[in-house]
Structures are given as structure tokens and as C-alpha cells.
Protein backbone atom coordinates (compact mmCIF):
# COMPACT_ATOMS: atom_id res chain seq x y z
CA GLY A 1 -9.69 -2.19 2.09
CA MET A 2 -8.40 -4.36 -0.70
CA HIS A 3 -5.69 -7.12 -1.64
CA LEU A 4 -4.32 -7.83 -4.77
CA ALA A 5 -1.60 -9.84 -6.09
CA CYS A 6 -0.24 -9.75 -9.49
CA TYR A 7 2.68 -11.08 -11.88
CA ASP A 8 6.12 -9.88 -11.93
CA SER A 9 5.35 -8.00 -15.02
CA GLN A 10 5.44 -4.17 -14.96
CA ARG A 11 2.65 -3.69 -17.46
CA LYS A 12 0.61 -5.92 -14.85
CA ILE A 13 1.82 -3.92 -11.86
CA GLU A 14 1.26 -0.82 -13.68
CA LYS A 15 -2.62 -1.65 -14.52
CA SER A 16 -2.86 -3.01 -11.20
CA VAL A 17 -1.76 0.02 -9.09
CA SER A 18 -3.94 1.87 -11.36
CA TYR A 19 -6.75 0.38 -10.73
CA LEU A 20 -6.38 0.38 -7.03
CA LEU A 21 -5.72 4.03 -7.66
CA SER A 22 -9.16 4.69 -8.67
CA GLU A 23 -10.78 3.00 -5.97
CA HIS A 24 -8.33 4.22 -2.54
CA ASP A 25 -6.11 7.20 -1.54
CA ILE A 26 -3.45 5.00 -0.80
CA VAL A 27 -1.74 1.81 -1.98
CA ILE A 28 0.94 -0.13 -0.26
CA THR A 29 2.89 -2.70 -2.48
CA VAL A 30 5.20 -5.49 -0.72
CA GLY A 31 7.96 -6.82 -2.55
CA GLY A 32 9.39 -6.82 -6.13
CA LEU A 33 12.55 -4.38 -5.02
CA GLY A 34 15.09 -7.02 -5.12
CA PRO A 35 18.40 -6.59 -7.81
CA THR A 36 17.13 -9.19 -10.63
CA GLU A 37 15.40 -8.47 -13.93
CA ASP A 38 11.85 -9.90 -12.71
CA ASP A 39 11.95 -6.87 -9.80
CA LYS A 40 9.76 -4.77 -11.60
CA THR A 41 7.90 -2.72 -9.05
CA CYS A 42 9.70 0.79 -8.78
CA SER A 43 9.40 0.88 -12.21
CA ALA A 44 6.18 0.05 -12.79
CA LEU A 45 5.34 3.01 -9.96
CA ALA A 46 7.23 5.38 -11.26
CA TYR A 47 5.18 4.85 -14.71
CA VAL A 48 2.09 5.29 -12.73
CA ALA A 49 2.87 8.48 -11.15
CA GLY A 50 4.30 9.98 -14.15
CA HIS A 51 7.80 10.27 -12.37
CA LYS A 52 11.32 9.02 -14.12
CA LEU A 53 13.32 7.06 -11.73
CA VAL A 54 16.49 8.75 -10.42
CA PHE A 55 19.51 7.55 -8.26
CA SER A 56 19.93 7.70 -5.02
CA GLU A 57 23.44 7.94 -3.57
CA GLU A 58 22.45 7.76 0.24
CA SER A 59 20.36 4.40 -0.71
CA TRP A 60 23.44 2.97 -2.22
CA GLN A 61 25.82 3.82 0.19
CA ARG A 62 23.55 1.79 2.38
CA ILE A 63 23.15 -1.05 0.51
CA VAL A 64 27.27 -1.05 -0.43
CA LYS A 65 27.90 -0.73 3.59
CA ARG A 66 25.69 -3.83 3.90
CA LEU A 67 27.14 -5.71 0.90
CA GLU A 68 30.45 -5.21 1.25
CA LYS A 69 30.73 -7.48 4.33
CA ARG A 70 29.41 -10.36 2.47
CA PHE A 71 30.66 -9.58 -0.85
CA ALA A 72 34.55 -8.73 -2.23
CA VAL A 73 32.81 -7.17 -5.37
CA ILE A 74 28.93 -5.75 -4.88
CA PRO A 75 26.86 -6.95 -7.72
CA GLU A 76 26.27 -4.14 -9.89
CA THR A 77 22.66 -5.31 -10.38
CA ASN A 78 22.36 -3.82 -6.95
CA ARG A 79 22.36 -0.57 -8.26
CA GLN A 80 18.89 -0.86 -9.47
CA GLN A 81 17.86 -1.11 -5.90
CA ALA A 82 19.25 2.70 -5.40
CA LEU A 83 16.58 3.98 -8.38
CA PHE A 84 13.51 5.57 -7.24
CA PRO A 85 10.82 7.55 -8.88
CA GLU A 86 11.78 11.20 -8.40
CA HIS A 87 10.43 13.35 -5.38
CA ALA A 88 9.73 9.91 -3.57
CA THR A 89 10.51 10.22 0.16
CA ILE A 90 12.80 7.28 0.73
CA LEU A 91 12.51 4.97 3.63
CA PRO A 92 15.72 3.26 4.91
CA ASN A 93 15.88 -0.37 5.22
CA ALA A 94 17.53 -1.34 8.14
CA ARG A 95 17.17 -4.71 8.14
CA GLY A 96 18.01 -5.54 4.41
CA THR A 97 19.23 -4.16 1.17
CA ALA A 98 16.18 -2.52 -0.51
CA ASP A 99 14.77 0.85 0.67
CA GLY A 100 11.45 1.25 0.60
CA CYS A 101 9.68 4.96 -0.26
CA ILE A 102 6.33 6.96 -0.53
CA ILE A 103 5.25 8.68 -3.75
CA SER A 104 2.85 11.40 -3.60
CA LEU A 105 0.49 11.95 -6.00
CA ALA A 106 -2.24 14.54 -7.25
CA ASP A 107 -5.61 14.39 -5.24
CA ASN A 108 -3.94 13.48 -2.07
CA LYS A 109 -2.87 10.19 -3.27
CA TYR A 110 0.13 8.01 -2.25
CA ILE A 111 1.88 4.73 -2.95
CA VAL A 112 3.93 3.20 -0.19
CA MET A 113 6.40 0.80 -1.67
CA LEU A 114 7.75 -1.61 0.89
CA PRO A 115 10.26 -4.50 0.27
CA GLY A 116 9.03 -8.20 0.43
CA PRO A 117 10.87 -9.63 3.14
CA PRO A 118 8.61 -9.96 5.94
CA GLY A 119 11.09 -8.98 8.67
CA GLU A 120 12.28 -5.75 6.71
CA CYS A 121 8.33 -4.75 5.56
CA LEU A 122 6.45 -5.08 8.84
CA THR A 123 9.44 -3.38 10.46
CA MET A 124 9.69 -0.26 7.96
CA PHE A 125 5.46 -0.55 7.78
CA LYS A 126 5.40 -0.27 11.40
CA ASN A 127 8.34 2.33 12.14
CA GLN A 128 7.86 4.68 8.96
CA ALA A 129 5.02 3.77 6.88
CA LEU A 130 2.09 3.66 9.44
CA PRO A 131 3.53 6.84 11.05
CA PHE A 132 3.56 8.64 7.87
CA ILE A 133 -0.52 7.58 6.92
CA GLU A 134 -1.89 8.20 10.12
CA SER A 135 -0.45 11.82 9.66
CA VAL A 136 -2.07 12.39 6.43
CA ARG A 137 -5.57 11.22 7.75
CA GLU A 138 -4.98 13.10 10.56
CA GLY A 139 -8.10 15.15 10.89
CA ILE A 140 -10.53 12.89 8.83
CA GLU A 141 -13.33 11.94 11.36
CA ARG A 142 -14.24 8.32 10.92
CA GLN A 143 -17.38 7.31 12.28
CA VAL A 144 -18.50 3.43 13.05
CA HIS A 145 -22.10 2.79 14.39
CA ASN A 146 -23.34 -0.64 15.32
CA TRP A 147 -25.97 -2.23 15.90
CA LEU A 148 -26.97 -6.20 16.99
CA LEU A 149 -30.25 -6.85 16.22
CA MET A 150 -32.59 -10.08 16.65
CA GLY A 151 -35.81 -10.99 15.29
CA ILE A 152 -35.24 -9.76 11.76
CA ALA A 153 -34.43 -11.46 8.15
CA GLU A 154 -31.29 -10.44 6.86
CA ALA A 155 -33.04 -9.08 3.62
CA GLN A 156 -36.08 -7.50 5.02
CA LEU A 157 -33.86 -5.45 7.27
CA SER A 158 -31.98 -4.72 4.06
CA GLN A 159 -34.84 -3.64 2.12
CA THR A 160 -36.21 -1.37 4.95
CA LEU A 161 -32.98 0.25 5.25
CA LYS A 162 -32.09 0.58 1.31
CA ARG A 163 -34.52 4.30 1.51
CA ILE A 164 -32.32 5.74 4.10
CA ALA A 165 -28.77 4.20 2.66
CA ASP A 166 -30.02 5.58 -1.17
CA LYS A 167 -31.10 9.14 0.62
CA TYR A 168 -27.61 9.85 2.36
CA ASP A 169 -25.62 8.06 0.06
CA GLU A 170 -24.57 5.74 2.59
CA THR A 171 -23.53 1.92 2.90
CA PHE A 172 -24.85 -0.40 5.39
CA GLY A 173 -22.48 -3.68 6.15
CA TYR A 174 -24.54 -6.83 7.21
CA ARG A 175 -23.40 -10.23 9.17
CA ALA A 176 -25.94 -12.92 9.84
CA ASP A 177 -24.88 -15.30 12.49
CA TYR A 178 -28.07 -16.72 13.65
CA PRO A 179 -30.25 -15.41 15.52
CA TYR A 180 -28.49 -12.60 15.52
CA ILE A 181 -27.68 -9.57 12.59
CA GLU A 182 -24.65 -7.21 13.51
CA LEU A 183 -25.40 -4.30 11.02
CA LYS A 184 -22.62 -1.38 11.09
CA LEU A 185 -22.56 2.24 9.39
CA HIS A 186 -19.13 3.68 8.39
């Protein structure tokens, strides 16, 4: 995995997500879904996906229901929280105003968009995003092999295993903790 942070600039978000999608099948974004002008994540993700933004009446009604308890008049800027990339699967937010979503792209790639506040993000990830991710990864077998070695230098081991790694297009991982070396093959 990889973590990447960027400014609240639509262009920077677009470039960051595009780069991550070039290396990974699933990209998860956190934050930038609020009602202010610096919340650019949803627009950036729609651009990356090549989808236009569409208004979700269901999301808007959830926002209104939550906010009408605190405000006599709902701020018009909250309407941007009901905009999503076309065809996205909306993830309702039971703890806040910003719903998340899952955007399906070509080549079995996905963007998962989550709200920033930890209580909202973690709940949505655990209850909605993670089950989705597990369902699309179902059937993909992942094997991990570990060895704990002693009495060989990391560089010597790497040199010896390079032929095997190159032959089978594999990558070994090394973690030295003298006098041991943990060797991993995924």
C-alpha cells in the first residue's frame, strides 16, 4: 500500500489519484467532502473517472434531515455535498452530512471516497467500503511465504536470490534484525 497527502487543489487531487490508479487497483480518498469552496475531492474524482457530477436527492434529504435539527435555514452550500460522479454507488453517512461513494472504473479499478472526520470515515470504511473491497477481491488468491534466516548477510542473500526473483518476476522483501533476516515472498 501507499499513502499520499496533497493540498485541497482540484488539479493536485486529480494528479495524485491518477498516479495512484496507475499503480493500484483500489484508491481510497479521505476528506474533502464538506460544503466549502476548498472541498474539491468529489469534483476531482469525477474528472479522473471521466464522469459528470449528478445531484442525489436521497443524499440531499439525509443532509436536510441532519441539519434541520441545528439550523432554521439549510445553507445552500451544503447542496454540493449531494453531488456525486455519475454511476457512483453512494455510501450513506449515518454520523455526518457527507456521504461517501464507490466509483467503478475500467480495468476493475475503483475509487472509494470517504468523509474526513475519523468517526464517520472509520465507521463507513468498516461497515460499507471494506465489505465491498473484500467482495471484489474475492477469488484472488494471495500467498505469503516467510522465512527466518540466520548466519547470512542481507546483501549476500539478496544477490543469491536475485536470479530466482528475476526468473519468475517476483520480489522478495527483507527485514534485518541482527542476527536474523526475515525473508518474505508475496
